[in-house]
N, C-alpha and C. Protein backbone atom coordinates (compact mmCIF):
# COMPACT_ATOMS: atom_id res chain seq x y z
N MET A 1 -56.37 76.54 41.62
CA MET A 1 -55.62 77.39 42.54
C MET A 1 -54.83 76.52 43.53
N VAL A 2 -53.64 76.97 43.84
CA VAL A 2 -52.77 76.23 44.73
C VAL A 2 -53.19 76.49 46.16
N LYS A 3 -53.32 75.40 46.90
CA LYS A 3 -53.64 75.56 48.32
C LYS A 3 -52.34 75.70 49.10
N PHE A 4 -52.28 76.70 49.92
CA PHE A 4 -51.11 76.91 50.76
C PHE A 4 -51.36 76.29 52.12
N ASN A 5 -50.49 75.38 52.49
CA ASN A 5 -50.52 74.82 53.83
C ASN A 5 -49.08 74.67 54.31
N SER A 6 -48.90 74.12 55.46
CA SER A 6 -47.55 74.06 56.03
C SER A 6 -46.62 73.20 55.17
N ARG A 7 -47.12 72.17 54.52
CA ARG A 7 -46.27 71.31 53.70
C ARG A 7 -45.82 72.01 52.42
N THR A 8 -46.69 72.80 51.82
CA THR A 8 -46.32 73.45 50.56
C THR A 8 -45.46 74.69 50.79
N VAL A 9 -45.48 75.23 51.98
CA VAL A 9 -44.72 76.44 52.27
C VAL A 9 -43.37 76.13 52.92
N MET A 10 -43.34 75.15 53.81
CA MET A 10 -42.14 74.89 54.59
C MET A 10 -40.98 74.34 53.76
N ALA A 11 -41.25 73.47 52.82
CA ALA A 11 -40.16 72.89 52.03
C ALA A 11 -39.41 73.96 51.23
N PRO A 12 -40.09 74.83 50.49
CA PRO A 12 -39.35 75.89 49.79
C PRO A 12 -38.64 76.85 50.75
N MET A 13 -39.27 77.14 51.87
CA MET A 13 -38.62 78.02 52.85
C MET A 13 -37.36 77.38 53.40
N ALA A 14 -37.43 76.09 53.70
CA ALA A 14 -36.25 75.38 54.22
C ALA A 14 -35.15 75.34 53.17
N ALA A 15 -35.51 75.08 51.92
CA ALA A 15 -34.51 75.04 50.85
C ALA A 15 -33.86 76.40 50.66
N PHE A 16 -34.65 77.45 50.68
CA PHE A 16 -34.10 78.80 50.54
C PHE A 16 -33.18 79.14 51.70
N THR A 17 -33.58 78.77 52.91
CA THR A 17 -32.77 79.04 54.10
C THR A 17 -31.44 78.29 54.01
N MET A 18 -31.48 77.03 53.64
CA MET A 18 -30.25 76.25 53.53
C MET A 18 -29.33 76.81 52.44
N ALA A 19 -29.91 77.20 51.32
CA ALA A 19 -29.10 77.78 50.24
C ALA A 19 -28.47 79.10 50.69
N SER A 20 -29.23 79.90 51.42
CA SER A 20 -28.71 81.18 51.91
C SER A 20 -27.55 80.97 52.88
N ILE A 21 -27.72 80.04 53.79
CA ILE A 21 -26.67 79.75 54.77
C ILE A 21 -25.42 79.23 54.06
N LEU A 22 -25.60 78.35 53.10
CA LEU A 22 -24.46 77.82 52.34
C LEU A 22 -23.75 78.93 51.58
N PHE A 23 -24.49 79.83 50.98
CA PHE A 23 -23.91 80.95 50.25
C PHE A 23 -23.08 81.83 51.17
N VAL A 24 -23.63 82.21 52.30
CA VAL A 24 -22.92 83.08 53.25
C VAL A 24 -21.68 82.38 53.78
N TYR A 25 -21.80 81.10 54.12
CA TYR A 25 -20.66 80.34 54.63
C TYR A 25 -19.55 80.27 53.58
N THR A 26 -19.93 80.00 52.34
CA THR A 26 -18.94 79.90 51.27
C THR A 26 -18.22 81.22 51.07
N ARG A 27 -18.98 82.31 51.01
CA ARG A 27 -18.36 83.62 50.80
C ARG A 27 -17.42 83.99 51.94
N SER A 28 -17.86 83.73 53.18
CA SER A 28 -17.01 84.08 54.32
C SER A 28 -15.77 83.19 54.38
N SER A 29 -15.89 81.93 53.99
CA SER A 29 -14.73 81.04 53.97
C SER A 29 -13.71 81.49 52.92
N ILE A 30 -14.18 81.88 51.76
CA ILE A 30 -13.29 82.36 50.71
C ILE A 30 -12.58 83.63 51.16
N GLN A 31 -13.31 84.53 51.79
CA GLN A 31 -12.71 85.78 52.27
C GLN A 31 -11.66 85.50 53.34
N ALA A 32 -11.97 84.57 54.25
CA ALA A 32 -11.00 84.22 55.30
C ALA A 32 -9.75 83.59 54.70
N ALA A 33 -9.92 82.75 53.69
CA ALA A 33 -8.76 82.12 53.04
C ALA A 33 -7.90 83.17 52.35
N LYS A 34 -8.52 84.13 51.70
CA LYS A 34 -7.76 85.20 51.04
C LYS A 34 -6.98 86.02 52.07
N THR A 35 -7.63 86.34 53.17
CA THR A 35 -6.97 87.12 54.22
C THR A 35 -5.79 86.35 54.80
N ASN A 36 -6.00 85.07 55.09
CA ASN A 36 -4.91 84.25 55.64
C ASN A 36 -3.76 84.13 54.66
N ALA A 37 -4.05 83.99 53.39
CA ALA A 37 -2.99 83.89 52.37
C ALA A 37 -2.21 85.20 52.30
N ARG A 38 -2.90 86.32 52.36
CA ARG A 38 -2.22 87.62 52.30
C ARG A 38 -1.31 87.80 53.51
N ILE A 39 -1.80 87.47 54.69
CA ILE A 39 -1.01 87.61 55.91
C ILE A 39 0.21 86.69 55.86
N SER A 40 0.00 85.47 55.41
CA SER A 40 1.10 84.51 55.31
C SER A 40 2.16 85.00 54.32
N LYS A 41 1.72 85.52 53.20
CA LYS A 41 2.66 86.03 52.20
C LYS A 41 3.45 87.21 52.75
N GLU A 42 2.76 88.14 53.42
CA GLU A 42 3.45 89.30 53.99
C GLU A 42 4.48 88.86 55.03
N THR A 43 4.13 87.89 55.85
CA THR A 43 5.05 87.39 56.87
C THR A 43 6.27 86.75 56.22
N HIS A 44 6.03 85.94 55.21
CA HIS A 44 7.14 85.27 54.51
C HIS A 44 8.07 86.29 53.86
N LEU A 45 7.51 87.28 53.20
CA LEU A 45 8.33 88.30 52.55
C LEU A 45 9.13 89.11 53.58
N ARG A 46 8.51 89.41 54.71
CA ARG A 46 9.21 90.16 55.76
C ARG A 46 10.37 89.33 56.31
N GLU A 47 10.15 88.03 56.52
CA GLU A 47 11.22 87.17 57.01
C GLU A 47 12.37 87.09 56.01
N GLN A 48 12.05 87.00 54.73
CA GLN A 48 13.10 86.98 53.71
C GLN A 48 13.89 88.27 53.71
N ARG A 49 13.19 89.40 53.80
CA ARG A 49 13.86 90.70 53.80
C ARG A 49 14.77 90.83 55.02
N GLU A 50 14.29 90.41 56.18
CA GLU A 50 15.11 90.48 57.39
C GLU A 50 16.33 89.58 57.29
N ALA A 51 16.18 88.41 56.69
CA ALA A 51 17.32 87.50 56.53
C ALA A 51 18.36 88.11 55.60
N ARG A 52 17.91 88.75 54.52
CA ARG A 52 18.85 89.41 53.61
C ARG A 52 19.58 90.54 54.31
N GLU A 53 18.86 91.31 55.11
CA GLU A 53 19.48 92.42 55.84
C GLU A 53 20.52 91.90 56.83
N ARG A 54 20.22 90.78 57.50
CA ARG A 54 21.20 90.20 58.44
C ARG A 54 22.45 89.74 57.70
N GLU A 55 22.25 89.12 56.54
CA GLU A 55 23.41 88.67 55.75
C GLU A 55 24.27 89.85 55.33
N ILE A 56 23.64 90.93 54.92
CA ILE A 56 24.38 92.13 54.51
C ILE A 56 25.15 92.70 55.69
N ASN A 57 24.50 92.80 56.85
CA ASN A 57 25.15 93.36 58.04
C ASN A 57 26.28 92.47 58.53
N GLU A 58 26.13 91.15 58.42
CA GLU A 58 27.18 90.24 58.87
C GLU A 58 28.39 90.26 57.95
N SER A 59 28.17 90.56 56.69
CA SER A 59 29.28 90.56 55.74
C SER A 59 30.11 91.84 55.81
N ARG A 60 29.65 92.81 56.53
CA ARG A 60 30.39 94.09 56.64
C ARG A 60 31.51 93.99 57.62
């Protein structure tokens, strides 16, 4: 039978905790990157559209 003491319990708990934190950090970082990319793309497209509209208005 396995004896449970602080050494046999703490190492797996620490490993699980570190893995959980890494997982959550990775997921949140990916989500933030996707959000930033979407916002950047929308901003770029809006600027292009506004520039085209200015060109059209200036040519009239």
